[in-house]
Structures are given as C-alpha cells and as structure tokens.
Protein backbone atom coordinates (compact mmCIF):
# COMPACT_ATOMS: atom_id res chain seq x y z
CA MET A 1 90.14 80.83 145.21
CA PRO A 2 93.29 79.13 143.76
CA PRO A 3 95.83 81.46 142.08
CA CYS A 4 95.26 79.79 138.69
CA ALA A 5 91.55 80.48 138.94
CA ASN A 6 92.33 84.17 139.36
CA ALA A 7 94.71 83.95 136.40
CA ASN A 8 91.99 82.34 134.26
CA ARG A 9 89.47 85.02 135.13
CA GLY A 10 92.03 87.74 134.48
CA ALA A 11 92.96 86.21 131.13
CA ALA A 12 89.34 86.13 130.00
CA GLN A 13 88.80 89.74 131.06
CA ALA A 14 92.04 90.80 129.34
CA ALA A 15 91.07 89.08 126.09
CA GLU A 16 87.68 90.82 126.07
CA SER A 17 89.39 94.15 126.77
CA ASP A 18 91.93 93.55 123.99
CA LEU A 19 89.22 93.07 121.38
CA ARG A 20 87.42 96.25 122.51
CA SER A 21 90.51 98.45 122.71
CA ALA A 22 93.00 96.89 120.26
CA PRO A 23 94.53 99.62 118.07
CA LEU A 24 92.64 98.38 115.02
CA TRP A 25 92.71 101.62 113.06
CA LYS A 26 95.06 103.73 115.21
CA GLY A 27 98.37 104.90 113.79
CA ALA A 28 99.53 105.06 110.21
CA LYS A 29 100.90 101.54 109.77
CA PRO A 30 99.63 98.99 112.32
CA ALA A 31 100.99 96.05 110.28
CA ALA A 32 104.45 97.63 110.20
CA ARG A 33 104.27 98.14 113.95
CA LEU A 34 103.33 94.51 114.47
CA CYS A 35 106.35 93.49 112.37
CA GLU A 36 108.62 95.71 114.48
CA GLU A 37 107.26 94.31 117.74
CA PHE A 38 107.49 90.74 116.45
CA SER A 39 111.06 91.34 115.30
CA ARG A 40 112.03 92.74 118.69
CA LEU A 41 110.39 89.96 120.72
CA PHE A 42 111.75 87.08 118.61
CA GLY A 43 115.13 88.61 117.80
CA VAL A 44 114.78 88.17 114.05
CA PRO A 45 115.38 90.99 111.53
CA HIS A 46 112.94 90.08 108.75
CA VAL A 47 109.19 89.63 109.35
CA PHE A 48 106.39 89.26 106.77
CA LEU A 49 102.63 89.07 107.36
CA LEU A 50 100.07 87.09 105.34
CA SER A 51 96.45 85.99 105.60
CA SER A 52 97.06 82.60 107.25
CA GLY A 53 99.67 80.12 108.39
CA LYS A 54 99.02 78.13 105.20
CA ALA A 55 99.61 81.24 103.12
CA ALA A 56 102.86 81.89 104.99
CA LEU A 57 104.03 78.31 104.33
CA THR A 58 103.14 78.61 100.64
CA ILE A 59 105.04 81.86 100.09
CA ALA A 60 108.04 80.54 102.07
CA LEU A 61 108.14 77.37 99.95
CA GLU A 62 107.77 79.32 96.70
CA ALA A 63 110.65 81.55 97.79
CA LEU A 64 112.86 78.53 98.49
CA GLY A 65 111.85 77.12 95.12
CA THR A 66 113.40 80.12 93.36
CA LEU A 67 116.74 79.33 95.02
CA SER A 68 116.91 75.67 93.97
CA GLU A 69 115.71 73.29 91.28
CA ARG A 70 114.83 70.68 93.91
CA ARG A 71 111.11 70.11 94.47
CA GLU A 72 110.69 67.53 97.27
CA VAL A 73 109.62 68.64 100.75
CA ILE A 74 109.92 66.31 103.74
CA ILE A 75 107.17 66.64 106.35
CA PRO A 76 106.11 64.53 109.36
CA ALA A 77 103.63 61.76 108.51
CA PHE A 78 101.42 62.93 111.38
CA SER A 79 100.62 66.64 111.40
CA SER A 80 98.01 69.21 110.48
CA PHE A 81 96.42 68.67 107.07
CA CYS A 82 97.30 72.33 106.37
CA LEU A 83 100.94 71.32 105.96
CA PRO A 84 100.60 69.08 102.87
CA SER A 85 97.96 71.48 101.53
CA ALA A 86 100.53 74.27 101.50
CA VAL A 87 103.27 72.09 99.98
CA VAL A 88 101.00 71.09 97.10
CA ARG A 89 99.71 74.68 96.73
CA ALA A 90 103.33 75.78 96.27
CA GLY A 91 103.82 73.24 93.45
CA MET A 92 106.10 70.88 95.41
CA LYS A 93 106.12 67.13 95.98
CA VAL A 94 105.47 65.75 99.48
CA ARG A 95 107.83 63.16 100.98
CA LEU A 96 106.47 61.81 104.26
CA CYS A 97 108.72 60.77 107.13
CA ASP A 98 107.65 58.72 110.13
CA ILE A 99 107.58 60.09 113.68
CA LEU A 100 108.19 58.66 117.14
CA PRO A 101 105.09 58.38 119.35
CA ASP A 102 107.05 59.26 122.48
CA THR A 103 108.05 62.69 121.11
CA LEU A 104 105.60 63.36 118.21
CA ASP A 105 108.74 64.42 116.30
CA PHE A 106 110.66 63.04 113.31
CA ASP A 107 112.27 59.64 113.66
CA LEU A 108 115.81 60.82 112.86
CA LYS A 109 116.83 57.43 111.43
CA ARG A 110 113.92 57.60 108.96
CA LEU A 111 114.67 61.25 108.22
CA ARG A 112 118.26 60.43 107.32
CA GLU A 113 116.98 57.78 104.89
CA ALA A 114 114.36 60.13 103.40
CA LEU A 115 116.83 62.91 102.55
CA THR A 116 118.02 62.82 98.92
CA ASP A 117 119.60 65.12 96.38
CA GLN A 118 116.04 66.09 95.39
CA THR A 119 115.11 67.39 98.86
CA LEU A 120 114.38 71.12 98.74
CA CYS A 121 113.68 71.42 102.46
CA VAL A 122 112.68 69.65 105.65
CA ILE A 123 109.79 71.04 107.71
CA PRO A 124 110.11 70.30 111.45
CA VAL A 125 106.79 70.86 113.26
CA HIS A 126 106.48 71.93 116.90
CA LEU A 127 103.27 69.94 117.29
CA PHE A 128 100.85 71.04 120.05
CA GLY A 129 103.61 73.33 121.36
CA LEU A 130 106.07 70.47 122.04
CA ILE A 131 109.45 71.50 120.69
CA SER A 132 111.00 69.65 117.74
CA GLN A 133 114.73 68.80 117.76
CA VAL A 134 115.42 71.38 115.06
CA ASP A 135 119.15 71.51 115.75
CA LYS A 136 119.64 67.82 114.92
CA ILE A 137 117.22 67.98 112.00
CA ALA A 138 119.06 70.99 110.56
CA LYS A 139 122.39 69.17 110.78
CA LEU A 140 121.03 66.23 108.76
CA ALA A 141 119.33 68.49 106.22
CA ARG A 142 122.36 70.68 105.60
CA GLU A 143 124.58 67.66 105.07
CA ARG A 144 122.39 66.95 102.02
CA GLY A 145 122.17 70.58 100.88
CA ALA A 146 118.53 71.01 101.97
CA PHE A 147 116.92 74.01 103.66
CA VAL A 148 115.03 73.93 106.97
CA LEU A 149 111.58 75.58 107.04
CA GLU A 150 110.49 75.59 110.66
CA ASP A 151 106.74 75.26 111.35
CA ALA A 152 106.11 77.03 114.67
CA ALA A 153 102.40 77.59 113.99
CA GLN A 154 101.46 75.91 117.29
CA ALA A 155 104.44 76.98 119.40
CA ALA A 156 104.95 80.77 119.40
CA GLY A 157 107.09 81.67 122.40
CA GLY A 158 108.60 78.21 122.84
CA ARG A 159 112.37 77.79 122.98
CA LEU A 160 115.03 75.21 122.18
CA GLN A 161 117.91 75.72 124.60
CA GLY A 162 118.00 79.49 124.09
CA PRO A 163 116.63 80.66 120.72
CA PRO A 164 112.88 81.04 120.15
CA VAL A 165 111.45 78.32 117.92
CA GLY A 166 110.68 79.55 114.44
CA THR A 167 113.98 81.42 114.33
CA ILE A 168 116.35 78.42 114.26
CA GLY A 169 115.84 77.19 110.68
CA ASP A 170 116.50 79.05 107.43
CA ILE A 171 112.91 80.28 107.46
CA GLY A 172 110.22 80.02 110.13
CA ILE A 173 106.46 80.43 110.01
CA PHE A 174 103.87 81.15 112.70
CA SER A 175 100.08 81.10 112.66
CA LEU A 176 97.85 83.80 114.13
CA GLY A 177 94.74 81.71 113.53
CA ARG A 178 91.86 80.98 115.88
CA GLY A 179 92.83 78.67 118.69
CA LYS A 180 96.55 79.49 118.53
CA ASN A 181 98.40 80.82 121.57
CA MET A 182 99.14 84.01 119.63
CA THR A 183 96.13 85.02 117.58
CA ALA A 184 94.64 87.71 115.37
CA SER A 185 91.64 85.48 114.56
CA ALA A 186 93.51 84.68 111.32
CA GLY A 187 96.92 85.35 109.86
CA GLY A 188 100.39 84.00 109.25
CA VAL A 189 103.94 85.23 109.82
CA ILE A 190 107.20 84.43 107.99
CA VAL A 191 110.54 85.19 109.67
CA THR A 192 114.17 84.77 108.65
CA HIS A 193 117.64 85.92 109.65
CA SER A 194 118.87 85.73 106.05
CA ASP A 195 118.94 88.87 103.91
CA THR A 196 118.92 86.68 100.78
CA MET A 197 115.87 84.76 101.96
CA ALA A 198 114.15 87.99 102.94
CA ASP A 199 114.71 89.55 99.51
CA THR A 200 113.34 86.43 97.83
CA ILE A 201 110.25 86.34 100.09
CA ALA A 202 109.62 90.05 99.52
CA ARG A 203 109.77 89.55 95.75
CA ARG A 204 107.24 86.68 95.93
CA ILE A 205 104.88 88.80 98.03
CA GLN A 206 105.22 91.78 95.70
CA ALA A 207 104.79 89.66 92.56
CA GLN A 208 101.45 88.39 93.86
CA GLY A 209 100.24 91.83 95.00
CA LEU A 210 100.17 90.83 98.67
CA GLU A 211 102.09 93.78 100.11
CA ARG A 212 99.08 96.07 100.60
CA PRO A 213 97.00 95.38 103.73
CA GLY A 214 93.42 94.20 103.21
CA ALA A 215 90.32 95.35 105.08
CA GLY A 216 89.99 92.23 107.23
CA CYS A 217 86.48 92.94 108.51
CA SER A 218 85.45 89.27 108.41
CA ALA A 219 88.38 88.29 110.63
CA TRP A 220 87.43 90.94 113.18
CA LEU A 221 83.79 89.87 113.16
CA LYS A 222 84.78 86.24 113.79
CA ALA A 223 87.04 87.33 116.63
CA ALA A 224 84.20 89.39 118.09
CA ALA A 225 81.87 86.40 117.89
CA LEU A 226 84.38 84.23 119.72
CA THR A 227 84.70 86.73 122.60
CA VAL A 228 81.07 86.03 123.47
CA PHE A 229 82.28 82.62 124.63
CA LEU A 230 85.34 83.73 126.61
CA HIS A 231 83.58 83.18 129.92
CA PRO A 232 85.17 80.04 131.43
CA ARG A 233 81.86 78.21 131.50
CA LEU A 234 81.26 78.78 127.78
CA TYR A 235 84.68 78.23 126.21
CA TRP A 236 83.56 74.96 124.63
CA LEU A 237 80.62 76.46 122.70
CA PRO A 238 82.48 77.67 119.58
CA GLU A 239 83.27 74.06 118.73
CA GLN A 240 79.54 73.50 118.31
CA ILE A 241 79.16 76.25 115.66
CA PRO A 242 79.88 74.71 112.22
CA SER A 243 80.45 78.06 110.46
CA LEU A 244 83.53 78.73 112.61
CA ASN A 245 85.20 75.55 111.27
CA LEU A 246 87.04 74.95 114.54
CA GLY A 247 88.80 71.59 114.68
CA VAL A 248 88.12 70.78 111.02
CA SER A 249 90.93 68.83 109.28
CA GLU A 250 90.80 69.11 105.50
CA PHE A 251 93.33 68.59 102.73
CA ASP A 252 92.67 71.55 100.45
CA PRO A 253 95.48 72.95 98.27
CA CYS A 254 93.12 75.50 96.68
CA PHE A 255 93.01 77.95 99.60
CA ASP A 256 93.48 81.70 99.14
CA VAL A 257 96.83 83.40 99.68
CA ALA A 258 95.94 86.96 100.64
CA PRO A 259 97.36 90.02 102.42
CA PHE A 260 97.26 90.60 106.17
CA SER A 261 94.90 93.37 107.29
CA ARG A 262 95.04 96.44 109.52
CA LEU A 263 92.31 94.96 111.69
CA GLN A 264 94.29 91.74 112.18
CA ALA A 265 97.40 93.77 112.99
CA GLY A 266 95.65 95.43 115.91
CA LEU A 267 94.47 92.11 117.31
CA GLY A 268 97.90 90.58 116.73
CA ARG A 269 99.70 93.34 118.64
CA SER A 270 97.38 92.89 121.61
CA SER A 271 97.91 89.12 121.59
CA LEU A 272 101.69 89.47 121.22
CA ARG A 273 101.91 91.56 124.38
CA ARG A 274 100.30 88.77 126.43
CA LEU A 275 102.07 85.84 124.79
CA ASP A 276 104.51 85.05 127.61
CA GLU A 277 101.81 85.44 130.29
CA TYR A 278 99.39 83.11 128.52
CA ASN A 279 102.11 80.57 127.69
CA GLN A 280 103.03 80.34 131.34
CA ILE A 281 99.39 79.58 132.23
CA ARG A 282 99.36 76.85 129.58
CA ARG A 283 102.54 75.32 131.03
CA VAL A 284 101.06 75.31 134.53
CA HIS A 285 97.89 73.63 133.28
CA ALA A 286 99.93 71.02 131.36
CA GLN A 287 102.02 70.27 134.45
CA GLN A 288 98.86 69.80 136.49
CA LEU A 289 97.39 67.41 133.94
CA GLU A 290 100.66 65.50 133.68
CA ARG A 291 100.92 65.01 137.45
CA ALA A 292 97.28 63.99 137.65
CA VAL A 293 97.28 61.28 134.94
CA GLU A 294 100.92 60.11 134.91
CA GLY A 295 101.21 56.43 135.70
CA THR A 296 97.68 55.60 134.60
CA PRO A 297 97.81 52.06 133.09
CA GLY A 298 97.46 52.00 129.29
CA LEU A 299 98.17 55.72 129.00
CA ASN A 300 101.35 57.20 127.50
CA LEU A 301 102.43 60.82 127.57
CA PRO A 302 104.64 62.23 124.78
CA GLN A 303 107.65 63.85 126.42
CA ALA A 304 109.08 67.33 125.95
CA LEU A 305 112.77 67.65 125.06
CA ALA A 306 114.92 68.12 128.16
CA ASN A 307 116.54 71.29 126.77
CA SER A 308 113.32 72.89 125.55
CA THR A 309 110.64 75.26 126.83
CA PRO A 310 107.34 73.97 125.41
CA VAL A 311 104.16 76.05 125.33
CA TYR A 312 101.50 73.27 125.25
CA LEU A 313 98.94 74.62 122.82
CA ARG A 314 97.20 71.35 123.72
CA PHE A 315 98.20 68.57 126.12
CA PRO A 316 98.55 65.28 124.19
CA ILE A 317 97.91 61.82 125.62
CA LEU A 318 98.08 58.42 123.90
CA VAL A 319 95.48 55.82 124.90
CA GLU A 320 96.72 52.36 123.91
CA ASP A 321 93.36 50.58 123.66
CA PRO A 322 91.11 51.92 120.86
CA GLU A 323 87.86 51.16 122.69
CA ARG A 324 89.12 52.87 125.81
CA ARG A 325 90.18 55.87 123.77
CA GLU A 326 86.66 56.17 122.39
CA ALA A 327 85.24 55.83 125.89
CA VAL A 328 87.52 58.56 127.27
CA TYR A 329 86.70 60.83 124.37
CA ALA A 330 82.96 60.28 124.76
CA ALA A 331 83.04 60.93 128.51
CA LEU A 332 85.02 64.16 128.18
CA ALA A 333 83.07 65.39 125.17
CA TYR A 334 79.74 64.71 126.92
CA GLN A 335 80.78 67.04 129.72
CA HIS A 336 82.08 69.65 127.24
CA LEU A 337 85.62 69.50 128.61
CA GLY A 338 87.42 70.51 125.42
CA VAL A 339 88.82 67.11 124.37
CA SER A 340 89.87 66.59 120.74
CA LYS A 341 90.97 63.69 118.55
CA THR A 342 92.96 66.25 116.53
CA TYR A 343 93.74 64.95 113.03
CA PRO A 344 91.60 62.05 111.75
CA SER A 345 94.45 60.07 110.18
CA ALA A 346 98.14 59.98 109.46
CA LEU A 347 98.93 61.96 106.32
CA ASN A 348 99.49 58.80 104.28
CA GLY A 349 95.79 58.12 104.86
CA ILE A 350 94.74 61.14 102.75
CA ARG A 351 93.78 59.58 99.44
CA GLU A 352 93.74 62.89 97.52
CA LEU A 353 97.31 63.63 98.62
CA MET A 354 98.83 60.44 97.22
CA PRO A 355 99.32 61.66 93.60
CA CYS A 356 101.43 64.52 95.00
CA THR A 357 103.52 62.29 97.26
CA VAL A 358 106.88 60.59 96.77
CA ARG A 359 106.12 57.10 98.09
CA ASN A 360 109.33 56.23 99.90
CA GLU A 361 107.77 53.91 102.51
CA SER A 362 104.80 51.56 102.44
CA ALA A 363 103.81 52.27 106.03
CA TYR A 364 104.40 54.84 108.74
CA PRO A 365 103.84 52.89 111.96
CA GLY A 366 104.72 55.69 114.35
CA ALA A 367 102.37 58.18 112.71
CA GLU A 368 99.60 55.60 112.37
CA THR A 369 99.90 54.64 116.06
CA VAL A 370 99.61 58.28 117.10
CA ALA A 371 96.60 58.85 114.83
CA GLN A 372 94.82 55.85 116.39
CA GLN A 373 95.67 56.66 120.01
CA ILE A 374 95.92 60.41 120.47
CA LEU A 375 93.62 62.69 122.39
CA THR A 376 94.48 66.28 123.24
CA LEU A 377 93.27 68.24 126.24
CA PRO A 378 92.78 71.99 126.70
CA THR A 379 95.42 74.09 128.43
CA HIS A 380 94.28 77.60 127.48
CA PRO A 381 93.86 80.39 130.06
CA PHE A 382 90.08 79.98 130.27
CA VAL A 383 90.17 76.42 131.65
CA LEU A 384 88.93 76.22 135.24
CA GLN A 385 90.79 74.32 137.93
CA SER A 386 87.65 72.28 138.52
CA ASP A 387 87.58 71.30 134.83
CA LEU A 388 91.19 70.15 134.92
CA GLY A 389 90.33 67.99 137.92
CA ARG A 390 87.31 66.50 136.18
CA VAL A 391 89.37 65.76 133.04
CA ALA A 392 92.01 63.92 135.05
CA ALA A 393 89.46 62.00 137.13
CA LEU A 394 87.57 60.77 134.05
CA ILE A 395 90.81 59.62 132.40
CA ARG A 396 91.99 57.77 135.50
CA ALA A 397 88.59 56.13 135.97
CA SER A 398 88.33 54.85 132.39
CA ARG A 399 88.88 51.13 131.84
C-alpha cells in the first residue's frame, strides 16, 4: 500500500478519535486554552474567538472603523461571497479590485489605482490556500494610510517567506468552519500583534456581549454527523445533504455574530494539534495532481508564490473552453470525485451587492475569467491515491 494511502487511513481514524475524545467539557476554560495554543503556534499575542469566519471579519472591520472615519474596504473581485457579506454587515462600502488568473491574487496595478483617501483597509485573501503577496499589498496600502486585514480563512498554517499567514497584516482572521483545514465544525478567529488593535477588538466583543462562551451543541452535532462520512469511500456524501449547506455561495449580510462555544473549543484544539500533519498531506496531494495534469492542452494552473508555503485547501485548475469545463465537471461529479465550481460568479455579478459597492471599474476581466473557468479538486487527507489518479486521467482525457 502506498505511504499516502496509509496517511489517509490514519488521518480518517485520527479525526474520528478526535471527535470522540476531544476535551469538550474538560478543564475550566477550554476557549482560553485554545487561544493560548493558537497564540503559541502562530506567534501572535492577541487571539479572539467568534462563531464564524464571517463574524470574525465583521468584528475586525467594526474595530478598524472605530479608529478611522474612512468606510471603503477593498476586496478581490473573485472570492467567497462571505467576504462582501461581512463588509456590508459591518456597515462599510465595498470597493472591488480585479485579480490575476495566474495567481488568483490582486492585480497590484489595479490595487494601486483603487486605493484612495477613503480606503479604510485592504483585505488580501489566501484563496484555496494559495498565499497572497501580503507584503507588497501592505506596502501599497500603508502608503495611502489604509490598514491591512488579512483573510487567512482558507490557509491556516501557510507561510509567506517566514511568518505564518494571518499574522502579517494589521489584523488577521481565520475560519474554523466545516471543510477548512483547521476546523471546529464552525468558528472564527481574530489575531493581531497590536495592543491598540487588540483593545479595540476586545471592546467591540464586550459591547455586543460576545465574550461569554455559548453552548454550541448544534455545532458538535453537525461535526458528529460529518464523521459518519470520514471513511475514504464516503467523503463525498456530505455534499449531497442539503441541510449541511456545504458548497453553498450566498450573499447574506444578515448573518448572526455570536460567541464561540466550549464544545467548539475542544474540537478546535484537537484540529490545531494536527494542522501541520494534515497540511503536509494536502501539499503532497496537490503536487501529485499538478504533476499529473500539467501540460494538458487548454488547462492552466494558478501558480503559488515562489517564496511561500501554500496549504492547498483545494487544488484550482482553469479550463479555457467553457464546454470542456462543463464536461470535466460532469465527469468528475458523476464519479463523486469531489470536484467543485466554487463560487458561481465574480463578486460584481451579485446584483444585491451593487448598492453597497463603490463602482470604480465597469468590468473585472481577471475575476470574470476565473469565475467562468475554475474548477477545484480535493486535496484533503481522506482522498485515496486511486481517486487522485482517476481525477487526473479524466481531466487529461477530456476534449
């Protein structure tokens, strides 16, 4: 049996064991312990826990809003619909900026043009675990007096040169939601090196009564339901259960901002301990997929930064021909191989978002190209070697 197959089996067994034995109710302050462990692993002094990544983004933006009268937030024109939802929920205006298809990151020329004296912050996104060029983005933002709020929801454990992503900007956020490489079934994390930022975030959390942990039973029950499908042959089944809302993209600025729970803290601590191990499995799977499909005519692969350590929450590919993309998607989906079209449109295609958007460009060609061409493939520890081979073979055979 190949080594990765053993790793996959071990990962599934470990995840099942974690849910059974996670210190859900043990100890006086499991959330505080998770903060301490998170702080130690990521080398950041201030850590705050909330109910979701969207909630973390909202509180972080509200905190920044108390430090400035500016109200415009620049985000990539192709990203999770949760991002503009949180910006609008925080009472800010969205300013979209185009991306480059070959990196899935900001087009720096467009970003320079989008920055104004009304820009509160820029939000770089480490999409699918590929690392954003936060250092260059931060330089541009700070020249215009703007903050950097780093969205590492899909990239916990990734690095840019040396520092962990999420800790490079003024504030960083992580998601502990379902399907993330570090998960508590649900949850969000805010981190910062700044004492001033930390005091402001703490005041926002206290003002909204979010400092006391909730019960979190529903999150645990959902996590327990998902463990039923941790066997490698069943990992695709949760996507077929509508109530789990996996893979749903929805612009909804009316979501709840709630406290983290003791139950989530136990799951989060277990997941945090295995983060590096699971990320390495994801990198190996991504490398195997890259070698297997690289050079396929009509197929482009977004590239990781040379000085980065990506984590590949998903492995993205761009299929140039729309009909071929649909054919590849249908073939992989038919065999339940974990393929996804990710987000259904570029963010400028969300009609309900437009009244909350500063319209600085009429079109976002990079983002629109990605939205029309992208497919993402699974890299998680439960993927079998045989499945990776079948995925690559179907992609290469498509015409």
